[in-house]
N, C-alpha and C. Protein backbone atom coordinates (compact mmCIF):
# COMPACT_ATOMS: atom_id res chain seq x y z
N UNK A 1 -17.72 17.20 -1.37
CA UNK A 1 -16.37 17.42 -0.90
C UNK A 1 -15.44 17.53 -2.09
N UNK A 2 -14.46 18.38 -2.00
CA UNK A 2 -13.44 18.56 -3.03
C UNK A 2 -12.68 17.25 -3.22
N UNK A 3 -12.64 16.75 -4.45
CA UNK A 3 -11.99 15.47 -4.72
C UNK A 3 -10.53 15.46 -4.31
N UNK A 4 -9.87 16.60 -4.36
CA UNK A 4 -8.46 16.68 -3.96
C UNK A 4 -8.27 16.54 -2.45
N UNK A 5 -9.34 16.71 -1.69
CA UNK A 5 -9.24 16.66 -0.22
C UNK A 5 -9.75 15.35 0.36
N UNK A 6 -10.13 14.41 -0.48
CA UNK A 6 -10.62 13.12 0.03
C UNK A 6 -9.51 12.38 0.76
N UNK A 7 -9.94 11.53 1.69
CA UNK A 7 -9.04 10.65 2.44
C UNK A 7 -8.13 11.40 3.41
N UNK A 8 -8.50 12.61 3.78
CA UNK A 8 -7.72 13.37 4.75
C UNK A 8 -8.33 13.33 6.15
N UNK A 9 -9.47 12.66 6.29
CA UNK A 9 -10.10 12.55 7.60
C UNK A 9 -11.01 13.72 7.96
N UNK A 10 -11.29 14.58 7.00
CA UNK A 10 -12.13 15.75 7.29
C UNK A 10 -13.56 15.35 7.64
N UNK A 11 -14.14 14.45 6.87
CA UNK A 11 -15.51 14.03 7.13
C UNK A 11 -15.61 13.32 8.48
N UNK A 12 -14.63 12.46 8.78
CA UNK A 12 -14.62 11.76 10.06
C UNK A 12 -14.56 12.78 11.21
N UNK A 13 -13.67 13.74 11.10
CA UNK A 13 -13.54 14.76 12.15
C UNK A 13 -14.83 15.57 12.29
N UNK A 14 -15.45 15.89 11.17
CA UNK A 14 -16.70 16.65 11.21
C UNK A 14 -17.81 15.86 11.90
N UNK A 15 -18.00 14.61 11.50
CA UNK A 15 -19.06 13.80 12.10
C UNK A 15 -18.79 13.56 13.58
N UNK A 16 -17.56 13.25 13.93
CA UNK A 16 -17.22 13.03 15.35
C UNK A 16 -17.45 14.31 16.15
N UNK A 17 -17.08 15.45 15.58
CA UNK A 17 -17.31 16.73 16.27
C UNK A 17 -18.77 17.01 16.49
N UNK A 18 -19.58 16.78 15.47
CA UNK A 18 -21.03 16.99 15.60
C UNK A 18 -21.61 16.04 16.64
N UNK A 19 -21.18 14.78 16.63
CA UNK A 19 -21.67 13.82 17.62
C UNK A 19 -21.25 14.22 19.03
N UNK A 20 -20.04 14.75 19.17
CA UNK A 20 -19.58 15.21 20.49
C UNK A 20 -20.43 16.38 20.98
N UNK A 21 -20.72 17.32 20.10
CA UNK A 21 -21.57 18.46 20.48
C UNK A 21 -22.97 17.98 20.85
N UNK A 22 -23.49 17.03 20.10
CA UNK A 22 -24.81 16.49 20.40
C UNK A 22 -24.80 15.80 21.77
N UNK A 23 -23.73 15.06 22.05
CA UNK A 23 -23.60 14.42 23.35
C UNK A 23 -23.55 15.42 24.49
N UNK A 24 -22.84 16.52 24.29
CA UNK A 24 -22.77 17.57 25.31
C UNK A 24 -24.14 18.21 25.54
N UNK A 25 -24.96 18.21 24.49
CA UNK A 25 -26.32 18.74 24.60
C UNK A 25 -27.29 17.69 25.10
N UNK A 26 -26.75 16.55 25.56
CA UNK A 26 -27.51 15.44 26.12
C UNK A 26 -28.43 14.75 25.11
N UNK A 27 -28.07 14.80 23.84
CA UNK A 27 -28.81 14.05 22.83
C UNK A 27 -28.43 12.58 22.98
N UNK A 28 -29.40 11.73 22.92
CA UNK A 28 -29.15 10.30 23.07
C UNK A 28 -29.24 9.54 21.76
N UNK A 29 -29.56 10.23 20.69
CA UNK A 29 -29.74 9.56 19.41
C UNK A 29 -29.27 10.50 18.30
N UNK A 30 -28.61 9.94 17.32
CA UNK A 30 -28.20 10.71 16.15
C UNK A 30 -28.70 10.01 14.91
N UNK A 31 -29.19 10.77 13.97
CA UNK A 31 -29.69 10.21 12.71
C UNK A 31 -28.90 10.83 11.56
N UNK A 32 -28.63 10.00 10.59
CA UNK A 32 -27.89 10.44 9.43
C UNK A 32 -28.61 9.91 8.20
N UNK A 33 -28.92 10.79 7.28
CA UNK A 33 -29.60 10.38 6.05
C UNK A 33 -28.58 10.38 4.93
N UNK A 34 -28.51 9.28 4.21
CA UNK A 34 -27.62 9.19 3.06
C UNK A 34 -28.29 8.37 1.98
N UNK A 35 -27.72 8.43 0.81
CA UNK A 35 -28.20 7.63 -0.32
C UNK A 35 -27.28 6.43 -0.48
N UNK A 36 -27.81 5.36 -1.06
CA UNK A 36 -27.02 4.15 -1.21
C UNK A 36 -25.93 4.28 -2.26
N UNK A 37 -25.92 5.34 -3.04
CA UNK A 37 -24.87 5.54 -4.03
C UNK A 37 -23.67 6.31 -3.48
N UNK A 38 -23.68 6.65 -2.21
CA UNK A 38 -22.57 7.37 -1.58
C UNK A 38 -21.52 6.37 -1.08
N UNK A 39 -21.00 5.57 -2.01
CA UNK A 39 -20.13 4.45 -1.65
C UNK A 39 -18.85 4.88 -0.94
N UNK A 40 -18.36 6.08 -1.20
CA UNK A 40 -17.15 6.54 -0.52
C UNK A 40 -17.43 6.91 0.94
N UNK A 41 -18.65 7.34 1.23
CA UNK A 41 -18.99 7.81 2.58
C UNK A 41 -19.57 6.72 3.48
N UNK A 42 -20.25 5.75 2.90
CA UNK A 42 -20.95 4.74 3.70
C UNK A 42 -20.03 3.97 4.63
N UNK A 43 -18.83 3.55 4.22
CA UNK A 43 -17.97 2.85 5.18
C UNK A 43 -17.67 3.68 6.43
N UNK A 44 -17.47 4.98 6.26
CA UNK A 44 -17.23 5.85 7.42
C UNK A 44 -18.45 5.83 8.34
N UNK A 45 -19.62 5.99 7.77
CA UNK A 45 -20.83 6.00 8.60
C UNK A 45 -20.99 4.69 9.36
N UNK A 46 -20.71 3.58 8.70
CA UNK A 46 -20.81 2.28 9.36
C UNK A 46 -19.76 2.15 10.46
N UNK A 47 -18.53 2.61 10.21
CA UNK A 47 -17.47 2.56 11.23
C UNK A 47 -17.83 3.38 12.45
N UNK A 48 -18.57 4.46 12.25
CA UNK A 48 -18.96 5.32 13.37
C UNK A 48 -20.21 4.83 14.08
N UNK A 49 -20.74 3.68 13.65
CA UNK A 49 -21.85 3.07 14.37
C UNK A 49 -23.23 3.30 13.78
N UNK A 50 -23.32 4.03 12.69
CA UNK A 50 -24.62 4.21 12.05
C UNK A 50 -24.99 2.92 11.34
N UNK A 51 -26.29 2.66 11.26
CA UNK A 51 -26.81 1.46 10.62
C UNK A 51 -27.90 1.85 9.65
N UNK A 52 -28.02 1.11 8.55
CA UNK A 52 -29.11 1.41 7.62
C UNK A 52 -30.47 1.14 8.27
N UNK A 53 -31.39 2.02 8.02
CA UNK A 53 -32.78 1.78 8.42
C UNK A 53 -33.48 1.18 7.22
N UNK A 54 -33.85 -0.07 7.33
CA UNK A 54 -34.45 -0.80 6.22
C UNK A 54 -35.95 -0.88 6.48
N UNK A 55 -36.71 -0.31 5.56
CA UNK A 55 -38.15 -0.23 5.77
C UNK A 55 -38.95 -1.26 4.99
N UNK A 56 -38.35 -1.80 3.93
CA UNK A 56 -39.08 -2.79 3.13
C UNK A 56 -38.09 -3.68 2.38
N UNK A 57 -38.62 -4.72 1.76
CA UNK A 57 -37.76 -5.69 1.08
C UNK A 57 -36.95 -5.09 -0.07
N UNK A 58 -37.53 -4.24 -0.93
CA UNK A 58 -36.70 -3.65 -1.99
C UNK A 58 -35.52 -2.83 -1.43
N UNK A 59 -35.77 -2.10 -0.36
CA UNK A 59 -34.69 -1.33 0.27
C UNK A 59 -33.65 -2.27 0.87
N UNK A 60 -34.09 -3.38 1.44
CA UNK A 60 -33.17 -4.38 1.99
C UNK A 60 -32.26 -4.91 0.89
N UNK A 61 -32.83 -5.22 -0.26
CA UNK A 61 -32.04 -5.75 -1.37
C UNK A 61 -30.98 -4.74 -1.82
N UNK A 62 -31.34 -3.48 -1.88
CA UNK A 62 -30.37 -2.45 -2.27
C UNK A 62 -29.23 -2.36 -1.26
N UNK A 63 -29.58 -2.31 0.03
CA UNK A 63 -28.54 -2.22 1.06
C UNK A 63 -27.65 -3.46 1.08
N UNK A 64 -28.24 -4.63 0.85
CA UNK A 64 -27.42 -5.85 0.80
C UNK A 64 -26.44 -5.79 -0.35
N UNK A 65 -26.86 -5.27 -1.50
CA UNK A 65 -25.94 -5.10 -2.63
C UNK A 65 -24.83 -4.11 -2.30
N UNK A 66 -25.19 -3.02 -1.64
CA UNK A 66 -24.19 -2.01 -1.26
C UNK A 66 -23.16 -2.62 -0.31
N UNK A 67 -23.62 -3.35 0.69
CA UNK A 67 -22.71 -3.96 1.67
C UNK A 67 -21.81 -4.99 0.98
N UNK A 68 -22.39 -5.80 0.10
CA UNK A 68 -21.57 -6.77 -0.65
C UNK A 68 -20.52 -6.06 -1.49
N UNK A 69 -20.92 -5.02 -2.17
CA UNK A 69 -19.99 -4.28 -3.02
C UNK A 69 -18.85 -3.69 -2.19
N UNK A 70 -19.19 -3.11 -1.06
CA UNK A 70 -18.17 -2.49 -0.21
C UNK A 70 -17.25 -3.52 0.44
N UNK A 71 -17.79 -4.70 0.74
CA UNK A 71 -16.99 -5.72 1.40
C UNK A 71 -16.24 -6.59 0.40
N UNK A 72 -16.58 -6.47 -0.87
CA UNK A 72 -15.93 -7.27 -1.89
C UNK A 72 -16.40 -8.71 -1.91
N UNK A 73 -17.49 -8.99 -1.20
CA UNK A 73 -18.02 -10.35 -1.13
C UNK A 73 -19.06 -10.56 -2.21
N UNK A 74 -19.10 -11.76 -2.73
CA UNK A 74 -20.09 -12.09 -3.75
C UNK A 74 -21.44 -12.45 -3.15
N UNK A 75 -21.45 -13.08 -1.98
CA UNK A 75 -22.72 -13.56 -1.46
C UNK A 75 -23.05 -13.12 -0.05
N UNK A 76 -22.15 -12.45 0.65
CA UNK A 76 -22.38 -12.07 2.04
C UNK A 76 -23.01 -10.71 2.16
N UNK A 77 -22.88 -10.15 3.33
CA UNK A 77 -23.34 -8.79 3.56
C UNK A 77 -24.81 -8.68 3.88
N UNK A 78 -25.18 -9.05 5.04
CA UNK A 78 -26.57 -8.93 5.47
C UNK A 78 -26.74 -7.65 6.28
N UNK A 79 -27.94 -7.08 6.18
CA UNK A 79 -28.26 -5.92 7.01
C UNK A 79 -29.19 -6.38 8.11
N UNK A 80 -29.37 -5.56 9.11
CA UNK A 80 -30.20 -5.91 10.25
C UNK A 80 -31.63 -6.19 9.80
N UNK A 81 -32.35 -7.03 10.55
CA UNK A 81 -33.73 -7.36 10.20
C UNK A 81 -34.60 -6.11 10.15
N UNK A 82 -35.71 -6.21 9.42
CA UNK A 82 -36.68 -5.12 9.40
C UNK A 82 -37.15 -4.86 10.82
N UNK A 83 -37.32 -3.60 11.14
CA UNK A 83 -37.81 -3.26 12.47
C UNK A 83 -38.53 -1.93 12.40
N UNK A 84 -39.17 -1.59 13.47
CA UNK A 84 -39.86 -0.32 13.57
C UNK A 84 -39.01 0.73 14.28
N UNK A 85 -37.75 0.38 14.59
CA UNK A 85 -36.90 1.31 15.31
C UNK A 85 -36.54 2.49 14.42
N UNK A 86 -36.18 3.57 15.05
CA UNK A 86 -35.77 4.77 14.33
C UNK A 86 -34.36 4.57 13.81
N UNK A 87 -34.00 5.28 12.73
CA UNK A 87 -32.63 5.20 12.23
C UNK A 87 -31.71 5.95 13.15
N UNK A 88 -30.43 5.59 13.09
CA UNK A 88 -29.44 6.20 13.99
C UNK A 88 -28.74 7.34 13.31
């Protein structure tokens, strides 16, 4: 995304629009793939209900660091337990 256009709500509108179209097509699940270094985008994805899919302990540790960094907490920020569920 163009750095001059950040914080204008474009990404939020895009994701909400895509989710609305998916809902109209009777999709019951949405998946979003991102990297843990996308710190500007991850809060939006979390606000829209997406959750990290944690497959192993090293990945859990990375996501916990990301959540702590985003929340400004030194020791908090837990992610959901390991599971076999699909990512959202």
